[in-house]
């Protein structure tokens, strides 16, 4: 599939980068991992000159296509003005105002350098606001690479145990076993399980964090009750509710959670907050969202029955 330049670059990369990549998702295997030279519009070229249709578009944020001329020109203009000041500029304020105008759940914004950083901060704010430690997340959902949520993200189905009493599975070695004390996991779209956990542990849960659209296996949409049922239980126990949403194109008012019911919503590396939490915590109510591909959809009542390895579905994209 790939030519000699790709193979040679992979061998060279593996001397200095783990697996020869900077994200495990980019490693498809020895001799079958692509290395990109350039991209334009909906196409990209590997180092051997082969041309591909890029269906992923960096998992969504490049919705206008690679190297879009108008965007490139604006970026060039900003670079020429300088971009790292360790101080705040007007452009940051303008972007924050735009997010607040576009997203009903957001009243204030704090930008972060990565989605991992944003969800980590959001969880800290939720714990500080509630005085609780437990986090509830759904199996297969990805909320960054930190120890607090990298549980039951990708593992063999049998490792998760019984759906009524799931086992929180660390995604890798190096995550302290003690962190398991602070996480509860549930299958995605398991309405009864969610209500059961909220009834049993609601007063101990600081936050519920969820991808409204399961994004690590093409895409599995939430069934309506997954969104409609969770809000009343969360409100009853004053648990913070957070979404790792799949993109700026997905309306923040989706998932049956109205503005006053939502605490954390997250836009990849941007974070929005509600003003009252900001005032109490000297921080903010987060808006935390990753980007989606609307074109790739997979319906499933239970993602456990349709789970694939991270590499399997990625390989099919190019």
C-alpha atoms as a PDB file:
ATOM      1  CA  UNK A   1       0.000   0.000   0.000  1.00  0.00           C
ATOM      2  CA  UNK A   2       2.814   2.434   0.865  1.00  0.00           C
ATOM      3  CA  UNK A   3       6.097   2.967  -0.924  1.00  0.00           C
ATOM      4  CA  UNK A   4       9.783   2.889   0.042  1.00  0.00           C
ATOM      5  CA  UNK A   5       9.914   6.474   1.339  1.00  0.00           C
ATOM      6  CA  UNK A   6       7.117   5.716   3.792  1.00  0.00           C
ATOM      7  CA  UNK A   7       8.827   2.568   5.027  1.00  0.00           C
ATOM      8  CA  UNK A   8      12.173   4.348   5.369  1.00  0.00           C
ATOM      9  CA  UNK A   9      10.606   7.267   7.243  1.00  0.00           C
ATOM     10  CA  UNK A  10       8.822   4.903   9.625  1.00  0.00           C
ATOM     11  CA  UNK A  11      12.084   3.167  10.477  1.00  0.00           C
ATOM     12  CA  UNK A  12      13.745   6.531  10.992  1.00  0.00           C
ATOM     13  CA  UNK A  13      10.856   7.800  13.115  1.00  0.00           C
ATOM     14  CA  UNK A  14      10.878   4.711  15.342  1.00  0.00           C
ATOM     15  CA  UNK A  15      14.423   5.587  16.395  1.00  0.00           C
ATOM     16  CA  UNK A  16      13.242   8.804  18.036  1.00  0.00           C
ATOM     17  CA  UNK A  17       9.457   8.533  18.542  1.00  0.00           C
ATOM     18  CA  UNK A  18       7.575   5.726  20.356  1.00  0.00           C
ATOM     19  CA  UNK A  19       6.091   3.548  17.599  1.00  0.00           C
ATOM     20  CA  UNK A  20       7.345   6.220  15.198  1.00  0.00           C
ATOM     21  CA  UNK A  21       4.372   8.499  15.888  1.00  0.00           C
ATOM     22  CA  UNK A  22       3.195  11.130  18.378  1.00  0.00           C
ATOM     23  CA  UNK A  23      -0.175   9.514  19.012  1.00  0.00           C
ATOM     24  CA  UNK A  24      -0.836   5.786  19.254  1.00  0.00           C
ATOM     25  CA  UNK A  25      -3.875   6.221  16.984  1.00  0.00           C
ATOM     26  CA  UNK A  26      -1.539   7.166  14.150  1.00  0.00           C
ATOM     27  CA  UNK A  27       0.287   3.848  14.312  1.00  0.00           C
ATOM     28  CA  UNK A  28      -1.406   1.310  12.052  1.00  0.00           C
ATOM     29  CA  UNK A  29       1.387  -1.253  12.109  1.00  0.00           C
ATOM     30  CA  UNK A  30       4.857  -1.796  10.690  1.00  0.00           C
ATOM     31  CA  UNK A  31       4.901  -1.066   6.984  1.00  0.00           C
ATOM     32  CA  UNK A  32       1.282   0.111   6.889  1.00  0.00           C
ATOM     33  CA  UNK A  33       1.491   3.415   8.774  1.00  0.00           C
ATOM     34  CA  UNK A  34       1.105   6.471   6.514  1.00  0.00           C
ATOM     35  CA  UNK A  35       3.398   9.477   6.699  1.00  0.00           C
ATOM     36  CA  UNK A  36       1.968  12.647   5.192  1.00  0.00           C
ATOM     37  CA  UNK A  37       3.864  15.219   3.145  1.00  0.00           C
ATOM     38  CA  UNK A  38       1.138  17.757   2.372  1.00  0.00           C
ATOM     39  CA  UNK A  39      -2.610  18.309   2.115  1.00  0.00           C
ATOM     40  CA  UNK A  40      -4.971  20.619   0.253  1.00  0.00           C
ATOM     41  CA  UNK A  41      -8.738  20.741   0.324  1.00  0.00           C
ATOM     42  CA  UNK A  42     -10.101  17.230   0.864  1.00  0.00           C
ATOM     43  CA  UNK A  43      -6.920  15.496  -0.320  1.00  0.00           C
ATOM     44  CA  UNK A  44      -3.610  14.573   1.226  1.00  0.00           C
ATOM     45  CA  UNK A  45      -0.389  13.134  -0.168  1.00  0.00           C
ATOM     46  CA  UNK A  46       1.992  10.743   1.546  1.00  0.00           C
ATOM     47  CA  UNK A  47       5.770  11.024   1.303  1.00  0.00           C
ATOM     48  CA  UNK A  48       5.724   8.658  -1.706  1.00  0.00           C
ATOM     49  CA  UNK A  49       3.435  11.029  -3.611  1.00  0.00           C
ATOM     50  CA  UNK A  50       0.283   8.893  -3.337  1.00  0.00           C
ATOM     51  CA  UNK A  51      -2.927  10.936  -3.221  1.00  0.00           C
ATOM     52  CA  UNK A  52      -5.802  10.121  -0.865  1.00  0.00           C
ATOM     53  CA  UNK A  53      -9.237  11.439   0.031  1.00  0.00           C
ATOM     54  CA  UNK A  54      -9.103  12.508   3.665  1.00  0.00           C
ATOM     55  CA  UNK A  55     -12.400  11.548   5.291  1.00  0.00           C
ATOM     56  CA  UNK A  56     -11.155  12.346   8.788  1.00  0.00           C
ATOM     57  CA  UNK A  57     -10.088  15.970   8.327  1.00  0.00           C
ATOM     58  CA  UNK A  58      -8.094  15.849  11.585  1.00  0.00           C
ATOM     59  CA  UNK A  59     -11.174  14.272  13.215  1.00  0.00           C
ATOM     60  CA  UNK A  60     -13.308  17.215  12.166  1.00  0.00           C
ATOM     61  CA  UNK A  61     -11.860  20.654  12.945  1.00  0.00           C
ATOM     62  CA  UNK A  62     -10.644  21.229   9.374  1.00  0.00           C
ATOM     63  CA  UNK A  63     -14.218  21.515   8.161  1.00  0.00           C
ATOM     64  CA  UNK A  64     -13.233  23.925   5.367  1.00  0.00           C
ATOM     65  CA  UNK A  65     -10.539  21.597   4.058  1.00  0.00           C
ATOM     66  CA  UNK A  66      -6.778  21.582   4.344  1.00  0.00           C
ATOM     67  CA  UNK A  67      -4.837  24.768   3.641  1.00  0.00           C
ATOM     68  CA  UNK A  68      -7.949  26.850   2.971  1.00  0.00           C
ATOM     69  CA  UNK A  69      -6.632  30.034   1.352  1.00  0.00           C
ATOM     70  CA  UNK A  70      -8.642  32.558   3.359  1.00  0.00           C
ATOM     71  CA  UNK A  71      -7.783  30.862   6.655  1.00  0.00           C
ATOM     72  CA  UNK A  72      -4.112  30.529   5.689  1.00  0.00           C
ATOM     73  CA  UNK A  73      -3.879  34.233   4.868  1.00  0.00           C
ATOM     74  CA  UNK A  74      -5.411  35.226   8.208  1.00  0.00           C
ATOM     75  CA  UNK A  75      -3.049  32.924  10.078  1.00  0.00           C
ATOM     76  CA  UNK A  76      -0.074  34.402   8.226  1.00  0.00           C
ATOM     77  CA  UNK A  77      -1.219  37.912   9.170  1.00  0.00           C
ATOM     78  CA  UNK A  78      -1.492  36.984  12.840  1.00  0.00           C
ATOM     79  CA  UNK A  79       1.900  35.218  12.863  1.00  0.00           C
ATOM     80  CA  UNK A  80       3.500  38.358  11.471  1.00  0.00           C
ATOM     81  CA  UNK A  81       2.099  40.290  14.439  1.00  0.00           C
ATOM     82  CA  UNK A  82       3.525  37.788  16.910  1.00  0.00           C
ATOM     83  CA  UNK A  83       1.509  35.041  18.604  1.00  0.00           C
ATOM     84  CA  UNK A  84       3.050  34.275  22.024  1.00  0.00           C
ATOM     85  CA  UNK A  85       2.925  37.184  24.461  1.00  0.00           C
ATOM     86  CA  UNK A  86       2.105  35.649  27.869  1.00  0.00           C
ATOM     87  CA  UNK A  87      -0.584  38.347  27.891  1.00  0.00           C
ATOM     88  CA  UNK A  88      -4.110  38.667  26.535  1.00  0.00           C
ATOM     89  CA  UNK A  89      -4.978  40.170  23.161  1.00  0.00           C
ATOM     90  CA  UNK A  90      -8.202  41.416  21.571  1.00  0.00           C
ATOM     91  CA  UNK A  91      -8.445  38.390  19.272  1.00  0.00           C
ATOM     92  CA  UNK A  92      -8.899  36.092  22.285  1.00  0.00           C
ATOM     93  CA  UNK A  93     -11.741  38.284  23.511  1.00  0.00           C
ATOM     94  CA  UNK A  94     -13.388  38.264  20.087  1.00  0.00           C
ATOM     95  CA  UNK A  95     -13.252  34.453  19.872  1.00  0.00           C
ATOM     96  CA  UNK A  96     -14.672  34.104  23.395  1.00  0.00           C
ATOM     97  CA  UNK A  97     -17.519  36.466  22.503  1.00  0.00           C
ATOM     98  CA  UNK A  98     -18.238  34.427  19.380  1.00  0.00           C
ATOM     99  CA  UNK A  99     -18.372  31.156  21.352  1.00  0.00           C
ATOM    100  CA  UNK A 100     -20.741  32.666  23.913  1.00  0.00           C
ATOM    101  CA  UNK A 101     -22.992  33.956  21.143  1.00  0.00           C
ATOM    102  CA  UNK A 102     -23.037  30.574  19.374  1.00  0.00           C
ATOM    103  CA  UNK A 103     -23.348  28.283  22.416  1.00  0.00           C
ATOM    104  CA  UNK A 104     -26.390  28.596  24.702  1.00  0.00           C
ATOM    105  CA  UNK A 105     -24.602  26.697  27.499  1.00  0.00           C
ATOM    106  CA  UNK A 106     -21.692  29.119  27.774  1.00  0.00           C
ATOM    107  CA  UNK A 107     -21.478  32.389  29.693  1.00  0.00           C
ATOM    108  CA  UNK A 108     -17.709  32.673  30.122  1.00  0.00           C
ATOM    109  CA  UNK A 109     -14.746  31.102  28.342  1.00  0.00           C
ATOM    110  CA  UNK A 110     -11.253  29.969  29.246  1.00  0.00           C
ATOM    111  CA  UNK A 111      -9.008  28.631  26.490  1.00  0.00           C
ATOM    112  CA  UNK A 112      -6.766  25.623  27.010  1.00  0.00           C
ATOM    113  CA  UNK A 113      -3.898  24.105  25.044  1.00  0.00           C
ATOM    114  CA  UNK A 114      -5.543  20.689  24.568  1.00  0.00           C
ATOM    115  CA  UNK A 115      -8.739  18.789  25.200  1.00  0.00           C
ATOM    116  CA  UNK A 116      -6.923  16.763  27.846  1.00  0.00           C
ATOM    117  CA  UNK A 117      -6.059  19.916  29.743  1.00  0.00           C
ATOM    118  CA  UNK A 118      -9.583  21.297  29.393  1.00  0.00           C
ATOM    119  CA  UNK A 119     -11.353  18.198  30.751  1.00  0.00           C
ATOM    120  CA  UNK A 120      -8.811  17.916  33.561  1.00  0.00           C
ATOM    121  CA  UNK A 121      -9.564  21.479  34.626  1.00  0.00           C
ATOM    122  CA  UNK A 122     -13.310  20.938  34.239  1.00  0.00           C
ATOM    123  CA  UNK A 123     -13.200  17.940  36.566  1.00  0.00           C
ATOM    124  CA  UNK A 124     -11.209  19.939  39.106  1.00  0.00           C
ATOM    125  CA  UNK A 125     -13.780  22.741  38.991  1.00  0.00           C
ATOM    126  CA  UNK A 126     -16.633  20.244  39.447  1.00  0.00           C
ATOM    127  CA  UNK A 127     -14.915  18.667  42.441  1.00  0.00           C
ATOM    128  CA  UNK A 128     -14.178  22.046  43.965  1.00  0.00           C
ATOM    129  CA  UNK A 129     -17.758  23.241  43.435  1.00  0.00           C
ATOM    130  CA  UNK A 130     -19.422  20.100  44.829  1.00  0.00           C
ATOM    131  CA  UNK A 131     -16.872  19.010  47.427  1.00  0.00           C
ATOM    132  CA  UNK A 132     -17.120  15.477  45.983  1.00  0.00           C
ATOM    133  CA  UNK A 133     -14.601  13.185  44.321  1.00  0.00           C
ATOM    134  CA  UNK A 134     -16.441  10.616  42.144  1.00  0.00           C
ATOM    135  CA  UNK A 135     -16.622  10.990  38.365  1.00  0.00           C
ATOM    136  CA  UNK A 136     -19.086   9.004  36.248  1.00  0.00           C
ATOM    137  CA  UNK A 137     -18.088   8.302  32.629  1.00  0.00           C
ATOM    138  CA  UNK A 138     -19.297   5.984  29.885  1.00  0.00           C
ATOM    139  CA  UNK A 139     -17.354   3.107  28.386  1.00  0.00           C
ATOM    140  CA  UNK A 140     -15.660   3.930  25.119  1.00  0.00           C
ATOM    141  CA  UNK A 141     -15.867   7.696  25.668  1.00  0.00           C
ATOM    142  CA  UNK A 142     -12.565   9.534  25.394  1.00  0.00           C
ATOM    143  CA  UNK A 143     -11.938  12.620  27.508  1.00  0.00           C
ATOM    144  CA  UNK A 144      -8.217  13.103  27.183  1.00  0.00           C
ATOM    145  CA  UNK A 145      -5.121  11.259  28.285  1.00  0.00           C
ATOM    146  CA  UNK A 146      -5.019  12.124  31.983  1.00  0.00           C
ATOM    147  CA  UNK A 147      -5.408   9.572  34.774  1.00  0.00           C
ATOM    148  CA  UNK A 148      -8.837  10.788  35.903  1.00  0.00           C
ATOM    149  CA  UNK A 149     -10.784   9.627  32.831  1.00  0.00           C
ATOM    150  CA  UNK A 150      -8.575   7.261  30.821  1.00  0.00           C
ATOM    151  CA  UNK A 151     -10.596   4.283  32.029  1.00  0.00           C
ATOM    152  CA  UNK A 152     -12.670   1.830  29.964  1.00  0.00           C
ATOM    153  CA  UNK A 153     -11.841   3.829  26.852  1.00  0.00           C
ATOM    154  CA  UNK A 154     -10.556   1.036  24.621  1.00  0.00           C
ATOM    155  CA  UNK A 155     -10.265  -2.527  25.867  1.00  0.00           C
ATOM    156  CA  UNK A 156     -11.580  -5.972  24.895  1.00  0.00           C
ATOM    157  CA  UNK A 157     -15.308  -6.173  25.549  1.00  0.00           C
ATOM    158  CA  UNK A 158     -14.886  -9.030  28.016  1.00  0.00           C
ATOM    159  CA  UNK A 159     -12.612  -6.886  30.182  1.00  0.00           C
ATOM    160  CA  UNK A 160     -15.500  -4.589  31.125  1.00  0.00           C
ATOM    161  CA  UNK A 161     -17.287  -7.273  33.162  1.00  0.00           C
ATOM    162  CA  UNK A 162     -21.030  -7.446  33.765  1.00  0.00           C
ATOM    163  CA  UNK A 163     -22.971  -4.440  32.496  1.00  0.00           C
ATOM    164  CA  UNK A 164     -24.791  -4.186  35.859  1.00  0.00           C
ATOM    165  CA  UNK A 165     -21.484  -4.040  37.698  1.00  0.00           C
ATOM    166  CA  UNK A 166     -18.887  -2.781  35.210  1.00  0.00           C
ATOM    167  CA  UNK A 167     -15.168  -2.977  35.836  1.00  0.00           C
ATOM    168  CA  UNK A 168     -13.247   0.253  35.317  1.00  0.00           C
ATOM    169  CA  UNK A 169     -10.333  -0.751  33.064  1.00  0.00           C
ATOM    170  CA  UNK A 170      -7.240   1.509  32.888  1.00  0.00           C
ATOM    171  CA  UNK A 171      -6.230   2.247  29.315  1.00  0.00           C
ATOM    172  CA  UNK A 172      -2.546   1.601  29.948  1.00  0.00           C
ATOM    173  CA  UNK A 173       0.081   0.837  32.529  1.00  0.00           C
ATOM    174  CA  UNK A 174       1.197   3.769  34.642  1.00  0.00           C
ATOM    175  CA  UNK A 175      -2.251   4.802  35.871  1.00  0.00           C
ATOM    176  CA  UNK A 176      -2.290   4.419  39.678  1.00  0.00           C
ATOM    177  CA  UNK A 177      -4.677   1.727  40.908  1.00  0.00           C
ATOM    178  CA  UNK A 178      -5.882   4.144  43.560  1.00  0.00           C
ATOM    179  CA  UNK A 179      -7.476   6.283  40.824  1.00  0.00           C
ATOM    180  CA  UNK A 180     -10.104   3.543  40.388  1.00  0.00           C
ATOM    181  CA  UNK A 181     -11.644   4.734  43.660  1.00  0.00           C
ATOM    182  CA  UNK A 182     -12.708   7.966  41.982  1.00  0.00           C
ATOM    183  CA  UNK A 183     -14.287   6.663  38.772  1.00  0.00           C
ATOM    184  CA  UNK A 184     -17.593   4.926  37.972  1.00  0.00           C
ATOM    185  CA  UNK A 185     -18.064   3.532  34.466  1.00  0.00           C
ATOM    186  CA  UNK A 186     -21.223   2.527  32.620  1.00  0.00           C
ATOM    187  CA  UNK A 187     -22.050   1.283  29.105  1.00  0.00           C
ATOM    188  CA  UNK A 188     -23.030   4.048  26.703  1.00  0.00           C
ATOM    189  CA  UNK A 189     -26.811   4.336  26.158  1.00  0.00           C
ATOM    190  CA  UNK A 190     -27.538   2.285  29.309  1.00  0.00           C
ATOM    191  CA  UNK A 191     -30.468   4.285  30.688  1.00  0.00           C
ATOM    192  CA  UNK A 192     -31.418   1.949  33.521  1.00  0.00           C
ATOM    193  CA  UNK A 193     -27.826   1.596  34.641  1.00  0.00           C
ATOM    194  CA  UNK A 194     -27.384   5.354  34.722  1.00  0.00           C
ATOM    195  CA  UNK A 195     -30.483   5.880  36.837  1.00  0.00           C
ATOM    196  CA  UNK A 196     -29.436   3.062  39.179  1.00  0.00           C
ATOM    197  CA  UNK A 197     -26.005   4.594  39.733  1.00  0.00           C
ATOM    198  CA  UNK A 198     -27.419   8.085  40.265  1.00  0.00           C
ATOM    199  CA  UNK A 199     -29.850   6.744  42.868  1.00  0.00           C
ATOM    200  CA  UNK A 200     -27.075   4.872  44.666  1.00  0.00           C
ATOM    201  CA  UNK A 201     -24.170   7.293  44.356  1.00  0.00           C
ATOM    202  CA  UNK A 202     -25.690  10.612  43.292  1.00  0.00           C
ATOM    203  CA  UNK A 203     -24.745  12.432  46.470  1.00  0.00           C
ATOM    204  CA  UNK A 204     -21.110  11.345  46.024  1.00  0.00           C
ATOM    205  CA  UNK A 205     -20.713  12.163  42.314  1.00  0.00           C
ATOM    206  CA  UNK A 206     -18.984  15.418  41.449  1.00  0.00           C
ATOM    207  CA  UNK A 207     -19.548  15.204  37.692  1.00  0.00           C
ATOM    208  CA  UNK A 208     -20.921  13.118  34.853  1.00  0.00           C
ATOM    209  CA  UNK A 209     -18.762  13.447  31.751  1.00  0.00           C
ATOM    210  CA  UNK A 210     -19.984  12.175  28.410  1.00  0.00           C
ATOM    211  CA  UNK A 211     -19.523  12.376  24.674  1.00  0.00           C
ATOM    212  CA  UNK A 212     -23.034  13.023  23.337  1.00  0.00           C
ATOM    213  CA  UNK A 213     -21.910  11.158  20.239  1.00  0.00           C
ATOM    214  CA  UNK A 214     -19.627   8.168  20.796  1.00  0.00           C
ATOM    215  CA  UNK A 215     -16.667   9.147  18.679  1.00  0.00           C
ATOM    216  CA  UNK A 216     -13.946   6.512  18.918  1.00  0.00           C
ATOM    217  CA  UNK A 217     -15.679   3.961  16.684  1.00  0.00           C
ATOM    218  CA  UNK A 218     -16.764   6.048  13.696  1.00  0.00           C
ATOM    219  CA  UNK A 219     -19.820   7.391  15.515  1.00  0.00           C
ATOM    220  CA  UNK A 220     -22.601   5.980  17.680  1.00  0.00           C
ATOM    221  CA  UNK A 221     -25.401   8.433  18.337  1.00  0.00           C
ATOM    222  CA  UNK A 222     -27.077   8.578  21.729  1.00  0.00           C
ATOM    223  CA  UNK A 223     -30.577   7.228  21.923  1.00  0.00           C
ATOM    224  CA  UNK A 224     -32.971   9.964  23.007  1.00  0.00           C
ATOM    225  CA  UNK A 225     -33.544   8.650  26.536  1.00  0.00           C
ATOM    226  CA  UNK A 226     -29.752   8.743  27.110  1.00  0.00           C
ATOM    227  CA  UNK A 227     -30.056  12.522  26.947  1.00  0.00           C
ATOM    228  CA  UNK A 228     -33.542  12.996  28.350  1.00  0.00           C
ATOM    229  CA  UNK A 229     -33.251  10.843  31.440  1.00  0.00           C
ATOM    230  CA  UNK A 230     -29.921  11.928  32.774  1.00  0.00           C
ATOM    231  CA  UNK A 231     -30.759  15.563  33.532  1.00  0.00           C
ATOM    232  CA  UNK A 232     -33.429  15.038  36.236  1.00  0.00           C
ATOM    233  CA  UNK A 233     -31.281  12.530  38.127  1.00  0.00           C
ATOM    234  CA  UNK A 234     -28.276  14.809  37.969  1.00  0.00           C
ATOM    235  CA  UNK A 235     -30.248  17.835  39.099  1.00  0.00           C
ATOM    236  CA  UNK A 236     -31.797  15.895  41.958  1.00  0.00           C
ATOM    237  CA  UNK A 237     -28.361  15.289  43.434  1.00  0.00           C
ATOM    238  CA  UNK A 238     -26.846  18.583  42.197  1.00  0.00           C
ATOM    239  CA  UNK A 239     -24.209  16.672  40.293  1.00  0.00           C
ATOM    240  CA  UNK A 240     -22.261  18.629  37.710  1.00  0.00           C
ATOM    241  CA  UNK A 241     -22.975  17.517  34.157  1.00  0.00           C
ATOM    242  CA  UNK A 242     -20.274  17.726  31.500  1.00  0.00           C
ATOM    243  CA  UNK A 243     -20.226  16.961  27.799  1.00  0.00           C
ATOM    244  CA  UNK A 244     -17.225  16.176  25.672  1.00  0.00           C
ATOM    245  CA  UNK A 245     -19.222  17.138  22.594  1.00  0.00           C
ATOM    246  CA  UNK A 246     -18.338  16.062  19.087  1.00  0.00           C
ATOM    247  CA  UNK A 247     -17.878  19.388  17.468  1.00  0.00           C
ATOM    248  CA  UNK A 248     -18.732  22.972  16.827  1.00  0.00           C
ATOM    249  CA  UNK A 249     -21.352  21.791  14.334  1.00  0.00           C
ATOM    250  CA  UNK A 250     -23.254  19.955  17.060  1.00  0.00           C
ATOM    251  CA  UNK A 251     -25.572  22.363  18.813  1.00  0.00           C
ATOM    252  CA  UNK A 252     -24.808  22.825  22.485  1.00  0.00           C
ATOM    253  CA  UNK A 253     -28.540  22.827  23.194  1.00  0.00           C
ATOM    254  CA  UNK A 254     -28.716  19.217  22.009  1.00  0.00           C
ATOM    255  CA  UNK A 255     -28.936  16.187  24.292  1.00  0.00           C
ATOM    256  CA  UNK A 256     -31.983  17.401  26.181  1.00  0.00           C
ATOM    257  CA  UNK A 257     -29.944  19.482  28.603  1.00  0.00           C
ATOM    258  CA  UNK A 258     -31.015  23.091  28.829  1.00  0.00           C
ATOM    259  CA  UNK A 259     -28.627  25.901  29.569  1.00  0.00           C
ATOM    260  CA  UNK A 260     -29.438  26.088  33.274  1.00  0.00           C
ATOM    261  CA  UNK A 261     -28.934  22.326  33.634  1.00  0.00           C
ATOM    262  CA  UNK A 262     -25.505  22.090  32.048  1.00  0.00           C
ATOM    263  CA  UNK A 263     -22.298  22.728  33.920  1.00  0.00           C
ATOM    264  CA  UNK A 264     -19.445  21.623  31.704  1.00  0.00           C
ATOM    265  CA  UNK A 265     -19.467  21.686  27.933  1.00  0.00           C
ATOM    266  CA  UNK A 266     -16.174  21.433  26.145  1.00  0.00           C
ATOM    267  CA  UNK A 267     -14.988  22.561  22.678  1.00  0.00           C
ATOM    268  CA  UNK A 268     -11.777  20.658  22.043  1.00  0.00           C
ATOM    269  CA  UNK A 269      -9.293  23.264  23.359  1.00  0.00           C
ATOM    270  CA  UNK A 270     -11.789  25.923  24.361  1.00  0.00           C
ATOM    271  CA  UNK A 271     -13.673  25.912  27.621  1.00  0.00           C
ATOM    272  CA  UNK A 272     -16.818  27.801  28.510  1.00  0.00           C
ATOM    273  CA  UNK A 273     -18.365  28.376  31.914  1.00  0.00           C
ATOM    274  CA  UNK A 274     -21.368  29.756  33.701  1.00  0.00           C
ATOM    275  CA  UNK A 275     -20.834  32.994  35.568  1.00  0.00           C
ATOM    276  CA  UNK A 276     -21.969  31.880  39.029  1.00  0.00           C
ATOM    277  CA  UNK A 277     -19.444  29.044  39.185  1.00  0.00           C
ATOM    278  CA  UNK A 278     -16.754  31.399  37.928  1.00  0.00           C
ATOM    279  CA  UNK A 279     -17.544  33.825  40.727  1.00  0.00           C
ATOM    280  CA  UNK A 280     -17.532  31.141  43.420  1.00  0.00           C
ATOM    281  CA  UNK A 281     -14.446  29.276  42.247  1.00  0.00           C
ATOM    282  CA  UNK A 282     -12.439  32.078  40.624  1.00  0.00           C
ATOM    283  CA  UNK A 283     -12.678  29.781  37.615  1.00  0.00           C
ATOM    284  CA  UNK A 284     -15.432  28.998  35.192  1.00  0.00           C
ATOM    285  CA  UNK A 285     -18.135  26.692  34.013  1.00  0.00           C
ATOM    286  CA  UNK A 286     -16.663  24.768  31.209  1.00  0.00           C
ATOM    287  CA  UNK A 287     -17.678  24.342  27.636  1.00  0.00           C
ATOM    288  CA  UNK A 288     -15.732  21.246  26.526  1.00  0.00           C
ATOM    289  CA  UNK A 289     -16.276  19.808  23.033  1.00  0.00           C
ATOM    290  CA  UNK A 290     -14.380  17.791  20.455  1.00  0.00           C
ATOM    291  CA  UNK A 291     -15.150  17.901  16.752  1.00  0.00           C
ATOM    292  CA  UNK A 292     -17.124  15.342  14.790  1.00  0.00           C
ATOM    293  CA  UNK A 293     -17.529  14.058  11.289  1.00  0.00           C
ATOM    294  CA  UNK A 294     -21.235  14.331  10.537  1.00  0.00           C
ATOM    295  CA  UNK A 295     -20.900  12.109   7.494  1.00  0.00           C
ATOM    296  CA  UNK A 296     -19.779   8.991   9.333  1.00  0.00           C
ATOM    297  CA  UNK A 297     -22.606   7.543  11.406  1.00  0.00           C
ATOM    298  CA  UNK A 298     -23.082   4.146  12.970  1.00  0.00           C
ATOM    299  CA  UNK A 299     -26.267   3.297  14.842  1.00  0.00           C
ATOM    300  CA  UNK A 300     -26.064   0.842  17.678  1.00  0.00           C
ATOM    301  CA  UNK A 301     -28.199   0.106  20.705  1.00  0.00           C
ATOM    302  CA  UNK A 302     -25.105  -0.822  22.636  1.00  0.00           C
ATOM    303  CA  UNK A 303     -21.637   0.086  21.475  1.00  0.00           C
ATOM    304  CA  UNK A 304     -20.326  -3.014  23.291  1.00  0.00           C
ATOM    305  CA  UNK A 305     -21.814  -5.048  20.464  1.00  0.00           C
ATOM    306  CA  UNK A 306     -20.134  -3.063  17.702  1.00  0.00           C
ATOM    307  CA  UNK A 307     -16.792  -2.054  19.172  1.00  0.00           C
ATOM    308  CA  UNK A 308     -13.762  -2.141  16.893  1.00  0.00           C
ATOM    309  CA  UNK A 309     -10.093  -1.499  17.563  1.00  0.00           C
ATOM    310  CA  UNK A 310      -8.928   2.103  17.164  1.00  0.00           C
ATOM    311  CA  UNK A 311      -6.752   1.116  14.220  1.00  0.00           C
ATOM    312  CA  UNK A 312      -9.300  -0.959  12.347  1.00  0.00           C
ATOM    313  CA  UNK A 313     -11.675   1.837  11.498  1.00  0.00           C
ATOM    314  CA  UNK A 314      -8.942   4.408  10.988  1.00  0.00           C
ATOM    315  CA  UNK A 315      -7.290   2.233   8.366  1.00  0.00           C
ATOM    316  CA  UNK A 316     -10.472   2.263   6.372  1.00  0.00           C
ATOM    317  CA  UNK A 317     -10.554   6.050   6.186  1.00  0.00           C
ATOM    318  CA  UNK A 318      -7.732   6.576   3.717  1.00  0.00           C
END
